[in-house]
Protein backbone atom coordinates (compact mmCIF):
# COMPACT_ATOMS: atom_id res chain seq x y z
CA MET A 1 -11.13 -8.82 -2.97
CA VAL A 2 -9.09 -6.90 -5.51
CA THR A 3 -8.58 -8.68 -8.73
CA GLU A 4 -5.39 -9.11 -10.81
CA ALA A 5 -7.03 -7.00 -13.45
CA ALA A 6 -7.60 -4.19 -10.93
CA LEU A 7 -4.00 -4.25 -9.95
CA LYS A 8 -2.97 -3.96 -13.61
CA LEU A 9 -5.30 -0.93 -14.02
CA LEU A 10 -3.65 0.60 -10.90
CA ARG A 11 -0.19 0.29 -12.44
CA ALA A 12 -1.55 1.83 -15.68
CA LYS A 13 -3.19 4.67 -13.60
CA VAL A 14 0.42 5.42 -12.21
CA LEU A 15 1.93 5.58 -15.69
CA ASP A 16 -0.91 7.64 -16.94
CA ASP A 17 -0.44 10.14 -14.12
CA MET A 18 3.23 10.36 -14.95
CA ALA A 19 2.58 11.02 -18.59
CA GLN A 20 -0.03 13.69 -17.66
CA TYR A 21 2.41 15.28 -15.11
CA MET A 22 5.03 15.70 -17.89
CA ALA A 23 2.44 17.03 -20.38
CA ASP A 24 1.21 19.70 -17.84
CA PHE A 25 4.45 20.53 -16.33
CA ARG A 26 5.41 24.29 -16.31
CA THR A 27 8.57 25.51 -14.28
CA PRO A 28 7.37 27.46 -11.40
CA PRO A 29 8.43 31.23 -11.46
CA LYS A 30 11.50 31.97 -9.34
CA GLY A 31 10.58 32.93 -5.77
CA THR A 32 7.49 30.86 -5.63
CA THR A 33 9.28 27.72 -4.39
CA VAL A 34 11.51 26.78 -1.47
CA GLY A 35 14.93 26.68 -3.17
CA GLU A 36 15.55 26.62 -6.86
CA PRO A 37 12.59 25.21 -8.93
CA TRP A 38 13.27 22.08 -11.00
CA GLY A 39 13.09 22.29 -14.70
CA ILE A 40 11.58 19.83 -17.15
CA GLU A 41 14.90 18.01 -17.53
CA ARG A 42 15.12 17.34 -13.74
CA ILE A 43 11.48 16.27 -13.62
CA SER A 44 11.95 13.88 -16.57
CA GLN A 45 14.95 12.33 -14.80
CA GLU A 46 13.16 11.83 -11.46
CA LEU A 47 10.12 10.41 -13.21
CA ASP A 48 12.35 7.99 -15.13
CA LYS A 49 13.71 6.93 -11.67
CA MET A 50 10.16 6.44 -10.55
CA ARG A 51 9.27 4.27 -13.58
CA ASN A 52 12.30 2.12 -12.69
CA LEU A 53 10.96 1.64 -9.08
CA LEU A 54 7.41 0.66 -10.05
CA VAL A 55 6.39 -2.79 -8.85
CA GLU A 56 3.53 -4.94 -9.53
CA PRO A 57 1.00 -3.55 -6.88
CA TYR A 58 0.63 -5.54 -3.73
CA LYS A 59 -1.26 -5.14 -0.38
CA THR A 60 0.46 -3.62 2.60
CA ARG A 61 -0.42 -1.66 5.89
CA TYR A 62 1.12 1.54 6.91
CA ASP A 63 1.02 3.84 9.96
CA CYS A 64 -0.79 6.90 9.01
CA ASP A 65 0.24 10.18 10.72
CA ASP A 66 -0.30 13.03 8.30
CA ALA A 67 1.33 15.60 10.56
CA LEU A 68 2.23 18.02 7.71
CA ILE A 69 -1.45 18.39 6.59
CA PRO A 70 -3.74 20.88 8.47
CA ALA A 71 -5.50 19.13 11.32
CA GLN A 72 -8.98 19.35 9.70
CA ASP A 73 -7.80 17.58 6.57
CA ARG A 74 -5.75 14.68 8.13
CA LEU A 75 -6.78 11.06 7.92
CA PRO A 76 -7.16 9.51 11.32
CA LYS A 77 -3.85 8.14 12.79
CA GLY A 78 -3.35 4.37 12.84
CA LYS A 79 -2.94 1.46 10.62
CA ARG A 80 -4.30 1.81 7.09
CA LYS A 81 -4.57 -0.55 4.08
CA ALA A 82 -2.89 0.28 0.89
CA TYR A 83 -1.17 -1.01 -2.30
CA VAL A 84 2.52 -0.66 -2.92
CA VAL A 85 3.15 0.73 -6.39
CA ALA A 86 6.78 1.83 -6.21
CA GLU A 87 9.62 1.17 -3.74
CA ASP A 88 13.19 2.00 -3.11
CA SER A 89 15.38 1.18 -0.08
CA CYS A 90 13.67 3.85 2.29
CA HIS A 91 10.56 5.10 0.58
CA ARG A 92 7.50 3.44 -0.81
CA LEU A 93 4.63 5.17 -2.94
CA LEU A 94 1.40 3.57 -1.90
CA PHE A 95 -2.20 3.81 -3.19
CA ASP A 96 -4.56 4.28 -0.35
CA GLU A 97 -7.84 3.02 -1.95
CA ASP A 98 -10.11 4.17 0.96
CA ALA A 99 -8.71 7.68 0.83
CA GLY A 100 -8.54 7.66 -3.08
CA ASP A 101 -4.99 8.98 -3.21
CA PHE A 102 -1.25 8.18 -3.24
CA VAL A 103 0.84 8.47 -0.18
CA LEU A 104 4.58 8.63 0.40
CA VAL A 105 5.75 6.53 3.25
CA GLN A 106 9.18 6.08 4.85
CA GLN A 107 10.45 3.09 6.89
CA SER A 108 10.83 3.78 10.60
CA ALA A 109 13.65 2.42 12.90
CA ASP A 110 11.36 -0.38 13.99
CA GLY A 111 10.73 -1.40 10.32
CA THR A 112 7.15 -0.17 9.96
CA TRP A 113 6.15 2.16 7.07
CA CYS A 114 4.80 5.51 8.07
CA SER A 115 3.21 8.53 6.40
CA TRP A 116 3.89 12.09 7.39
CA GLY A 117 1.52 14.04 5.19
CA ILE A 118 2.72 13.62 1.55
CA ARG A 119 -0.53 12.67 -0.27
CA GLY A 120 -2.01 13.36 -3.67
CA ASP A 121 -1.26 12.23 -7.25
CA ALA A 122 1.31 9.65 -7.87
CA SER A 123 3.99 11.92 -9.46
CA SER A 124 3.88 14.84 -7.09
CA SER A 125 3.90 12.35 -4.02
CA PHE A 126 6.91 10.45 -5.51
CA LEU A 127 8.76 13.72 -6.36
CA ALA A 128 8.43 14.96 -2.78
CA ARG A 129 10.77 12.25 -1.42
């Protein structure tokens, strides 16, 4: 069973990740991204949005289907346990403790939350929405 202290540490981990992301951010050179790369101002604005969407972590389950990830790196399809750390109307950022990473999920038409392969650190995963 996960303790309340562990859930507070998870929230702190997300905030630390955001601070580190900002400290390490360098605008990618033109031509190395799809579309126009975001500058530091846009990243800062988006992480401020993320900060406002943080919730006290709580348990959930999601349907894993990491279709965007190369087949050899995918997690098995099916239900997985996780903790919600941020949420808006159509996306949630989860921490999948067994996988040891954050995952972006989207609500499907039937109301279930599903992944499609956006996994990794908290900030990059959130910014991909």
